Amino acid sequence: MKINRKTIRGQRGFSLAEMLAALTISAMVLAAVLGIYSRAEHTAAAVMRRLESPRLSSEVLQRIAEDLDRIIAADSDVRITIENKFDKGLPTARLNIRKTITDSKNNEQIFEEIIWQANYDYDTDSRGLVLYRSHTGMTLEDKLLDEKRSDWEGSYSFVPICTGITFFKIEVPLGENLQNVWATPGLPPGIKVTISFAEPFKTAGGTMDVPETEKITRTIAIDRTRKIRFEIPVSQEQEEQKGQEEQKRQEGQTEQKGQQKSNEEKEQK
């Protein structure tokens, strides 16, 4: 008796070479998609930064000017210190506004202190700076929120204002020169604050900088006791009238000199 053995054949699987080829093609497609997404995200971020940077820069400069005006106008016992440095090649600055009072024991106490400073952003991949603002002292900016702040929150007074800054510099104009450090007891005549969110480039010295056209600058007056030359604009008609009067005056002087000369000649004869 013979037994018929049937051989059952299934579908043939993929070979190792085919699997490696499929994985290679998939990896190439995935890398291309990720590259396109990364470029699109970078372009979108650059466009948004381009649109929002002027508005955000103006708001930051206005806030710094308001802090200076409010503290300096209130009292004369105010000291300002300015420092500039480079953090990861990016220009950064620190502005300290301190107002002091003297207590009953003739000891100096800090009544109010505001600090503006920029530090490198290590938390994100923006490769820029984070601008912080700190307010400490005896006074409360927001009585509703500051009174409810817990003790551990009070020790962290620096509040982030904005991110993505690529240039932040504070200088003191002294005549035609700019001084990037101020530590003297007296107040500076003014403060020049420059900020930018533009894409930086590397300079020959190894530091980072941005184009001058992308920098937004504001000069804030500090010493309000200085002498300011005040001139009233003159219209074109007033200038012409002034010129005619000056011409008549010169003609009158010439005629008077001629008469005096003729009188002297007559006396000599």
C-alpha atoms as a PDB file:
ATOM      1  CA  MET A   1       0.000   0.000   0.000  1.00  0.00           C
ATOM      2  CA  LYS A   2       1.459   3.377  -1.037  1.00  0.00           C
ATOM      3  CA  ILE A   3       0.872   6.595   0.879  1.00  0.00           C
ATOM      4  CA  ASN A   4       0.725   9.784  -1.210  1.00  0.00           C
ATOM      5  CA  ARG A   5       2.519  12.574   0.487  1.00  0.00           C
ATOM      6  CA  LYS A   6       1.386  16.020  -0.483  1.00  0.00           C
ATOM      7  CA  THR A   7       3.809  18.810  -0.090  1.00  0.00           C
ATOM      8  CA  ILE A   8       2.178  22.031   1.102  1.00  0.00           C
ATOM      9  CA  ARG A   9       4.028  25.070  -0.145  1.00  0.00           C
ATOM     10  CA  GLY A  10       3.382  28.573   1.298  1.00  0.00           C
ATOM     11  CA  GLN A  11       4.294  31.987  -0.052  1.00  0.00           C
ATOM     12  CA  ARG A  12       7.983  32.709  -0.170  1.00  0.00           C
ATOM     13  CA  GLY A  13       9.144  35.427   2.349  1.00  0.00           C
ATOM     14  CA  PHE A  14      11.398  38.440   1.778  1.00  0.00           C
ATOM     15  CA  SER A  15      15.072  37.858   1.561  1.00  0.00           C
ATOM     16  CA  LEU A  16      17.560  39.705   3.759  1.00  0.00           C
ATOM     17  CA  ALA A  17      18.715  41.876   0.863  1.00  0.00           C
ATOM     18  CA  GLU A  18      15.149  42.956   0.087  1.00  0.00           C
ATOM     19  CA  MET A  19      14.511  43.879   3.737  1.00  0.00           C
ATOM     20  CA  LEU A  20      17.703  45.929   3.903  1.00  0.00           C
ATOM     21  CA  ALA A  21      16.795  47.740   0.681  1.00  0.00           C
ATOM     22  CA  ALA A  22      13.293  48.519   1.988  1.00  0.00           C
ATOM     23  CA  LEU A  23      14.685  49.831   5.292  1.00  0.00           C
ATOM     24  CA  THR A  24      17.237  51.978   3.462  1.00  0.00           C
ATOM     25  CA  ILE A  25      14.589  53.529   1.211  1.00  0.00           C
ATOM     26  CA  SER A  26      12.291  54.163   4.205  1.00  0.00           C
ATOM     27  CA  ALA A  27      15.118  55.836   6.128  1.00  0.00           C
ATOM     28  CA  MET A  28      15.947  58.072   3.159  1.00  0.00           C
ATOM     29  CA  VAL A  29      12.294  59.096   2.752  1.00  0.00           C
ATOM     30  CA  LEU A  30      11.971  59.795   6.491  1.00  0.00           C
ATOM     31  CA  ALA A  31      15.179  61.866   6.505  1.00  0.00           C
ATOM     32  CA  ALA A  32      13.934  63.902   3.541  1.00  0.00           C
ATOM     33  CA  VAL A  33      10.571  64.541   5.240  1.00  0.00           C
ATOM     34  CA  LEU A  34      12.256  65.593   8.490  1.00  0.00           C
ATOM     35  CA  GLY A  35      14.618  67.886   6.584  1.00  0.00           C
ATOM     36  CA  ILE A  36      11.730  69.576   4.782  1.00  0.00           C
ATOM     37  CA  TYR A  37       9.839  69.967   8.066  1.00  0.00           C
ATOM     38  CA  SER A  38      12.885  71.424   9.808  1.00  0.00           C
ATOM     39  CA  ARG A  39      13.463  73.959   7.024  1.00  0.00           C
ATOM     40  CA  ALA A  40       9.778  74.896   6.983  1.00  0.00           C
ATOM     41  CA  GLU A  41       9.767  75.363  10.753  1.00  0.00           C
ATOM     42  CA  HIS A  42      12.938  77.465  10.601  1.00  0.00           C
ATOM     43  CA  THR A  43      11.476  79.624   7.826  1.00  0.00           C
ATOM     44  CA  ALA A  44       8.210  80.109   9.708  1.00  0.00           C
ATOM     45  CA  ALA A  45      10.090  81.086  12.865  1.00  0.00           C
ATOM     46  CA  ALA A  46      12.197  83.578  10.900  1.00  0.00           C
ATOM     47  CA  VAL A  47       9.083  85.129   9.338  1.00  0.00           C
ATOM     48  CA  MET A  48       7.329  85.430  12.706  1.00  0.00           C
ATOM     49  CA  ARG A  49      10.457  86.898  14.263  1.00  0.00           C
ATOM     50  CA  ARG A  50      10.703  89.380  11.405  1.00  0.00           C
ATOM     51  CA  LEU A  51       7.094  90.478  11.910  1.00  0.00           C
ATOM     52  CA  GLU A  52       7.048  90.622  15.707  1.00  0.00           C
ATOM     53  CA  SER A  53      10.560  91.887  16.482  1.00  0.00           C
ATOM     54  CA  PRO A  54       9.880  95.634  15.883  1.00  0.00           C
ATOM     55  CA  ARG A  55       6.778  95.602  18.062  1.00  0.00           C
ATOM     56  CA  LEU A  56       8.381  93.530  20.803  1.00  0.00           C
ATOM     57  CA  SER A  57      11.558  95.633  20.751  1.00  0.00           C
ATOM     58  CA  SER A  58       9.554  98.848  21.120  1.00  0.00           C
ATOM     59  CA  GLU A  59       7.620  97.400  24.057  1.00  0.00           C
ATOM     60  CA  VAL A  60      10.815  96.331  25.838  1.00  0.00           C
ATOM     61  CA  LEU A  61      12.484  99.715  25.321  1.00  0.00           C
ATOM     62  CA  GLN A  62       9.345 101.490  26.523  1.00  0.00           C
ATOM     63  CA  ARG A  63       9.257  99.375  29.684  1.00  0.00           C
ATOM     64  CA  ILE A  64      12.893 100.161  30.477  1.00  0.00           C
ATOM     65  CA  ALA A  65      12.246 103.881  29.934  1.00  0.00           C
ATOM     66  CA  GLU A  66       9.217 103.758  32.248  1.00  0.00           C
ATOM     67  CA  ASP A  67      11.273 102.141  35.022  1.00  0.00           C
ATOM     68  CA  LEU A  68      13.951 104.810  34.734  1.00  0.00           C
ATOM     69  CA  ASP A  69      11.470 107.691  34.619  1.00  0.00           C
ATOM     70  CA  ARG A  70       9.426 106.437  37.577  1.00  0.00           C
ATOM     71  CA  ILE A  71      12.308 105.782  39.962  1.00  0.00           C
ATOM     72  CA  ILE A  72      14.538 108.718  39.064  1.00  0.00           C
ATOM     73  CA  ALA A  73      11.701 111.260  39.060  1.00  0.00           C
ATOM     74  CA  ALA A  74      10.604 110.220  42.559  1.00  0.00           C
ATOM     75  CA  ASP A  75      13.858 110.853  44.421  1.00  0.00           C
ATOM     76  CA  SER A  76      17.486 111.761  43.887  1.00  0.00           C
ATOM     77  CA  ASP A  77      18.939 108.910  46.002  1.00  0.00           C
ATOM     78  CA  VAL A  78      19.201 106.637  42.991  1.00  0.00           C
ATOM     79  CA  ARG A  79      22.242 104.847  41.645  1.00  0.00           C
ATOM     80  CA  ILE A  80      22.589 103.250  38.221  1.00  0.00           C
ATOM     81  CA  THR A  81      25.166 100.640  37.248  1.00  0.00           C
ATOM     82  CA  ILE A  82      25.689  99.279  33.732  1.00  0.00           C
ATOM     83  CA  GLU A  83      27.704  96.268  32.586  1.00  0.00           C
ATOM     84  CA  ASN A  84      28.214  94.735  29.142  1.00  0.00           C
ATOM     85  CA  LYS A  85      29.733  91.379  28.203  1.00  0.00           C
ATOM     86  CA  PHE A  86      29.490  88.488  25.728  1.00  0.00           C
ATOM     87  CA  ASP A  87      27.623  85.270  26.519  1.00  0.00           C
ATOM     88  CA  LYS A  88      28.298  82.471  24.013  1.00  0.00           C
ATOM     89  CA  GLY A  89      29.503  85.212  21.661  1.00  0.00           C
ATOM     90  CA  LEU A  90      26.253  87.218  21.878  1.00  0.00           C
ATOM     91  CA  PRO A  91      26.331  90.787  23.279  1.00  0.00           C
ATOM     92  CA  THR A  92      24.522  90.975  26.624  1.00  0.00           C
ATOM     93  CA  ALA A  93      24.066  93.736  29.184  1.00  0.00           C
ATOM     94  CA  ARG A  94      22.911  94.317  32.759  1.00  0.00           C
ATOM     95  CA  LEU A  95      21.171  97.464  34.031  1.00  0.00           C
ATOM     96  CA  ASN A  96      20.769  97.956  37.788  1.00  0.00           C
ATOM     97  CA  ILE A  97      18.529 100.763  39.093  1.00  0.00           C
ATOM     98  CA  ARG A  98      18.725 101.055  42.883  1.00  0.00           C
ATOM     99  CA  LYS A  99      16.907 103.522  45.109  1.00  0.00           C
ATOM    100  CA  THR A 100      17.999 103.758  48.757  1.00  0.00           C
ATOM    101  CA  ILE A 101      16.686 105.442  51.910  1.00  0.00           C
ATOM    102  CA  THR A 102      18.160 106.139  55.340  1.00  0.00           C
ATOM    103  CA  ASP A 103      16.379 104.681  58.368  1.00  0.00           C
ATOM    104  CA  SER A 104      16.127 106.082  61.897  1.00  0.00           C
ATOM    105  CA  LYS A 105      19.491 104.544  62.791  1.00  0.00           C
ATOM    106  CA  ASN A 106      21.148 106.329  59.868  1.00  0.00           C
ATOM    107  CA  ASN A 107      21.635 103.051  57.994  1.00  0.00           C
ATOM    108  CA  GLU A 108      21.176 102.815  54.253  1.00  0.00           C
ATOM    109  CA  GLN A 109      18.366 100.500  53.163  1.00  0.00           C
ATOM    110  CA  ILE A 110      17.350  99.397  49.664  1.00  0.00           C
ATOM    111  CA  PHE A 111      13.922 100.872  49.050  1.00  0.00           C
ATOM    112  CA  GLU A 112      13.515  99.625  45.487  1.00  0.00           C
ATOM    113  CA  GLU A 113      15.762  97.836  43.010  1.00  0.00           C
ATOM    114  CA  ILE A 114      15.098  96.915  39.382  1.00  0.00           C
ATOM    115  CA  ILE A 115      17.486  94.808  37.301  1.00  0.00           C
ATOM    116  CA  TRP A 116      17.339  94.231  33.551  1.00  0.00           C
ATOM    117  CA  GLN A 117      19.706  91.579  32.215  1.00  0.00           C
ATOM    118  CA  ALA A 118      20.006  89.124  29.322  1.00  0.00           C
ATOM    119  CA  ASN A 119      21.413  85.598  29.591  1.00  0.00           C
ATOM    120  CA  TYR A 120      21.967  82.801  27.111  1.00  0.00           C
ATOM    121  CA  ASP A 121      18.945  80.545  26.614  1.00  0.00           C
ATOM    122  CA  TYR A 122      20.072  77.023  27.582  1.00  0.00           C
ATOM    123  CA  ASP A 123      16.536  75.607  27.791  1.00  0.00           C
ATOM    124  CA  THR A 124      15.603  75.858  24.107  1.00  0.00           C
ATOM    125  CA  ASP A 125      17.330  75.546  20.740  1.00  0.00           C
ATOM    126  CA  SER A 126      16.819  79.201  19.842  1.00  0.00           C
ATOM    127  CA  ARG A 127      20.566  79.970  20.259  1.00  0.00           C
ATOM    128  CA  GLY A 128      19.607  83.384  21.564  1.00  0.00           C
ATOM    129  CA  LEU A 129      19.222  85.327  24.782  1.00  0.00           C
ATOM    130  CA  VAL A 130      16.459  85.543  27.363  1.00  0.00           C
ATOM    131  CA  LEU A 131      15.696  88.988  28.780  1.00  0.00           C
ATOM    132  CA  TYR A 132      14.905  89.004  32.501  1.00  0.00           C
ATOM    133  CA  ARG A 133      13.506  91.702  34.779  1.00  0.00           C
ATOM    134  CA  SER A 134      13.805  91.693  38.550  1.00  0.00           C
ATOM    135  CA  HIS A 135      12.003  93.898  41.084  1.00  0.00           C
ATOM    136  CA  THR A 136      12.847  93.762  44.796  1.00  0.00           C
ATOM    137  CA  GLY A 137      12.682  96.090  47.760  1.00  0.00           C
ATOM    138  CA  MET A 138      10.199  97.443  50.277  1.00  0.00           C
ATOM    139  CA  THR A 139       7.593  98.467  47.727  1.00  0.00           C
ATOM    140  CA  LEU A 140       5.224  96.130  45.870  1.00  0.00           C
ATOM    141  CA  GLU A 141       4.536  96.586  42.179  1.00  0.00           C
ATOM    142  CA  ASP A 142       1.325  94.554  42.304  1.00  0.00           C
ATOM    143  CA  LYS A 143      -0.129  94.518  45.811  1.00  0.00           C
ATOM    144  CA  LEU A 144      -2.698  91.865  44.923  1.00  0.00           C
ATOM    145  CA  LEU A 145      -0.229  89.338  43.497  1.00  0.00           C
ATOM    146  CA  ASP A 146       2.944  90.157  45.422  1.00  0.00           C
ATOM    147  CA  GLU A 147       1.300  89.743  48.828  1.00  0.00           C
ATOM    148  CA  LYS A 148       0.106  86.221  47.894  1.00  0.00           C
ATOM    149  CA  ARG A 149       3.483  85.149  46.594  1.00  0.00           C
ATOM    150  CA  SER A 150       4.949  82.324  48.641  1.00  0.00           C
ATOM    151  CA  ASP A 151       8.372  82.468  50.255  1.00  0.00           C
ATOM    152  CA  TRP A 152      10.053  80.157  47.737  1.00  0.00           C
ATOM    153  CA  GLU A 153       8.700  82.250  44.852  1.00  0.00           C
ATOM    154  CA  GLY A 154      10.038  85.420  46.465  1.00  0.00           C
ATOM    155  CA  SER A 155      13.614  84.143  46.251  1.00  0.00           C
ATOM    156  CA  TYR A 156      13.321  83.886  42.433  1.00  0.00           C
ATOM    157  CA  SER A 157      12.723  87.499  41.535  1.00  0.00           C
ATOM    158  CA  PHE A 158      13.878  87.346  37.897  1.00  0.00           C
ATOM    159  CA  VAL A 159      10.938  87.115  35.515  1.00  0.00           C
ATOM    160  CA  PRO A 160      11.546  86.266  31.817  1.00  0.00           C
ATOM    161  CA  ILE A 161      10.245  89.029  29.556  1.00  0.00           C
ATOM    162  CA  CYS A 162      11.039  87.653  26.089  1.00  0.00           C
ATOM    163  CA  THR A 163      13.249  85.127  24.305  1.00  0.00           C
ATOM    164  CA  GLY A 164      15.064  84.968  20.982  1.00  0.00           C
ATOM    165  CA  ILE A 165      17.153  88.115  21.482  1.00  0.00           C
ATOM    166  CA  THR A 166      20.410  88.110  19.510  1.00  0.00           C
ATOM    167  CA  PHE A 167      21.742  91.559  20.473  1.00  0.00           C
ATOM    168  CA  PHE A 168      21.273  93.486  23.735  1.00  0.00           C
ATOM    169  CA  LYS A 169      23.551  96.370  24.614  1.00  0.00           C
ATOM    170  CA  ILE A 170      23.315  99.303  27.047  1.00  0.00           C
ATOM    171  CA  GLU A 171      25.708 102.255  26.729  1.00  0.00           C
ATOM    172  CA  VAL A 172      26.183 105.731  28.184  1.00  0.00           C
ATOM    173  CA  PRO A 173      26.639 108.565  25.641  1.00  0.00           C
ATOM    174  CA  LEU A 174      29.393 110.960  26.717  1.00  0.00           C
ATOM    175  CA  GLY A 175      29.762 113.562  24.005  1.00  0.00           C
ATOM    176  CA  GLU A 176      30.703 111.755  20.817  1.00  0.00           C
ATOM    177  CA  ASN A 177      31.851 108.618  22.674  1.00  0.00           C
ATOM    178  CA  LEU A 178      29.878 105.683  24.096  1.00  0.00           C
ATOM    179  CA  GLN A 179      30.832 104.078  27.404  1.00  0.00           C
ATOM    180  CA  ASN A 180      29.732 100.478  28.035  1.00  0.00           C
ATOM    181  CA  VAL A 181      30.425 100.494  31.800  1.00  0.00           C
ATOM    182  CA  TRP A 182      28.966 102.850  34.411  1.00  0.00           C
ATOM    183  CA  ALA A 183      29.737 102.379  38.114  1.00  0.00           C
ATOM    184  CA  THR A 184      30.176 105.938  39.401  1.00  0.00           C
ATOM    185  CA  PRO A 185      27.897 107.283  42.170  1.00  0.00           C
ATOM    186  CA  GLY A 186      26.414 110.021  39.978  1.00  0.00           C
ATOM    187  CA  LEU A 187      23.719 109.477  37.401  1.00  0.00           C
ATOM    188  CA  PRO A 188      24.687 109.232  33.727  1.00  0.00           C
ATOM    189  CA  PRO A 189      23.452 111.969  31.383  1.00  0.00           C
ATOM    190  CA  GLY A 190      21.558 109.380  29.360  1.00  0.00           C
ATOM    191  CA  ILE A 191      21.309 105.705  28.474  1.00  0.00           C
ATOM    192  CA  LYS A 192      21.363 104.200  24.988  1.00  0.00           C
ATOM    193  CA  VAL A 193      19.649 100.799  24.776  1.00  0.00           C
ATOM    194  CA  THR A 194      19.997  98.674  21.622  1.00  0.00           C
ATOM    195  CA  ILE A 195      18.107  95.431  21.010  1.00  0.00           C
ATOM    196  CA  SER A 196      17.622  93.091  18.058  1.00  0.00           C
ATOM    197  CA  PHE A 197      16.016  89.752  17.201  1.00  0.00           C
ATOM    198  CA  ALA A 198      17.685  89.410  13.781  1.00  0.00           C
ATOM    199  CA  GLU A 199      19.781  86.476  12.610  1.00  0.00           C
ATOM    200  CA  PRO A 200      23.348  87.019  13.908  1.00  0.00           C
ATOM    201  CA  PHE A 201      26.592  86.577  12.006  1.00  0.00           C
ATOM    202  CA  LYS A 202      30.092  85.851  13.228  1.00  0.00           C
ATOM    203  CA  THR A 203      32.584  88.716  13.208  1.00  0.00           C
ATOM    204  CA  ALA A 204      36.319  88.577  12.606  1.00  0.00           C
ATOM    205  CA  GLY A 205      36.896  88.763  16.359  1.00  0.00           C
ATOM    206  CA  GLY A 206      34.909  85.592  16.985  1.00  0.00           C
ATOM    207  CA  THR A 207      31.868  87.302  18.519  1.00  0.00           C
ATOM    208  CA  MET A 208      28.358  87.550  17.123  1.00  0.00           C
ATOM    209  CA  ASP A 209      26.712  90.668  15.697  1.00  0.00           C
ATOM    210  CA  VAL A 210      23.636  91.669  13.682  1.00  0.00           C
ATOM    211  CA  PRO A 211      23.305  94.134  10.779  1.00  0.00           C
ATOM    212  CA  GLU A 212      22.998  97.778  11.790  1.00  0.00           C
ATOM    213  CA  THR A 213      19.703  98.054   9.907  1.00  0.00           C
ATOM    214  CA  GLU A 214      18.209  95.341  12.147  1.00  0.00           C
ATOM    215  CA  LYS A 215      19.116  97.068  15.427  1.00  0.00           C
ATOM    216  CA  ILE A 216      16.469  99.100  17.263  1.00  0.00           C
ATOM    217  CA  THR A 217      17.888 101.815  19.523  1.00  0.00           C
ATOM    218  CA  ARG A 218      16.398 104.229  22.021  1.00  0.00           C
ATOM    219  CA  THR A 219      18.223 106.939  23.959  1.00  0.00           C
ATOM    220  CA  ILE A 220      16.699 107.709  27.369  1.00  0.00           C
ATOM    221  CA  ALA A 221      17.537 111.000  29.102  1.00  0.00           C
ATOM    222  CA  ILE A 222      18.559 110.666  32.753  1.00  0.00           C
ATOM    223  CA  ASP A 223      20.084 113.995  33.844  1.00  0.00           C
ATOM    224  CA  ARG A 224      17.208 116.423  33.337  1.00  0.00           C
ATOM    225  CA  THR A 225      19.141 119.380  34.811  1.00  0.00           C
ATOM    226  CA  ARG A 226      21.375 119.718  31.757  1.00  0.00           C
ATOM    227  CA  LYS A 227      21.104 122.780  29.528  1.00  0.00           C
ATOM    228  CA  ILE A 228      19.107 122.198  26.366  1.00  0.00           C
ATOM    229  CA  ARG A 229      19.290 124.642  23.480  1.00  0.00           C
ATOM    230  CA  PHE A 230      15.766 125.487  22.401  1.00  0.00           C
ATOM    231  CA  GLU A 231      15.140 126.805  18.901  1.00  0.00           C
ATOM    232  CA  ILE A 232      11.795 127.775  17.388  1.00  0.00           C
ATOM    233  CA  PRO A 233      11.432 126.709  13.751  1.00  0.00           C
ATOM    234  CA  VAL A 234      11.192 129.688  11.391  1.00  0.00           C
ATOM    235  CA  SER A 235       8.970 129.644   8.312  1.00  0.00           C
ATOM    236  CA  GLN A 236      10.175 130.657   4.843  1.00  0.00           C
ATOM    237  CA  GLU A 237       8.260 133.970   4.919  1.00  0.00           C
ATOM    238  CA  GLN A 238       9.814 134.884   8.249  1.00  0.00           C
ATOM    239  CA  GLU A 239      13.260 134.043   6.897  1.00  0.00           C
ATOM    240  CA  GLU A 240      12.686 136.294   3.848  1.00  0.00           C
ATOM    241  CA  GLN A 241      11.416 139.111   6.056  1.00  0.00           C
ATOM    242  CA  LYS A 242      14.398 138.714   8.342  1.00  0.00           C
ATOM    243  CA  GLY A 243      16.741 138.834   5.342  1.00  0.00           C
ATOM    244  CA  GLN A 244      15.114 142.031   4.045  1.00  0.00           C
ATOM    245  CA  GLU A 245      15.432 143.695   7.449  1.00  0.00           C
ATOM    246  CA  GLU A 246      19.082 142.682   7.646  1.00  0.00           C
ATOM    247  CA  GLN A 247      19.702 144.089   4.156  1.00  0.00           C
ATOM    248  CA  LYS A 248      18.029 147.411   5.068  1.00  0.00           C
ATOM    249  CA  ARG A 249      20.079 147.614   8.240  1.00  0.00           C
ATOM    250  CA  GLN A 250      23.313 147.067   6.309  1.00  0.00           C
ATOM    251  CA  GLU A 251      22.295 149.681   3.717  1.00  0.00           C
ATOM    252  CA  GLY A 252      21.526 152.148   6.516  1.00  0.00           C
ATOM    253  CA  GLN A 253      24.921 151.553   8.084  1.00  0.00           C
ATOM    254  CA  THR A 254      26.632 152.048   4.703  1.00  0.00           C
ATOM    255  CA  GLU A 255      24.745 155.295   4.086  1.00  0.00           C
ATOM    256  CA  GLN A 256      25.566 156.556   7.571  1.00  0.00           C
ATOM    257  CA  LYS A 257      29.248 155.815   7.075  1.00  0.00           C
ATOM    258  CA  GLY A 258      29.170 157.685   3.745  1.00  0.00           C
ATOM    259  CA  GLN A 259      27.623 160.769   5.353  1.00  0.00           C
ATOM    260  CA  GLN A 260      30.198 160.731   8.128  1.00  0.00           C
ATOM    261  CA  LYS A 261      32.990 160.520   5.572  1.00  0.00           C
ATOM    262  CA  SER A 262      31.590 163.423   3.531  1.00  0.00           C
ATOM    263  CA  ASN A 263      31.240 165.545   6.676  1.00  0.00           C
ATOM    264  CA  GLU A 264      34.848 164.860   7.601  1.00  0.00           C
ATOM    265  CA  GLU A 265      36.015 165.898   4.125  1.00  0.00           C
ATOM    266  CA  LYS A 266      34.038 169.165   4.370  1.00  0.00           C
ATOM    267  CA  GLU A 267      35.568 169.949   7.740  1.00  0.00           C
ATOM    268  CA  GLN A 268      39.061 169.336   6.373  1.00  0.00           C
ATOM    269  CA  LYS A 269      38.396 171.779   3.483  1.00  0.00           C
END
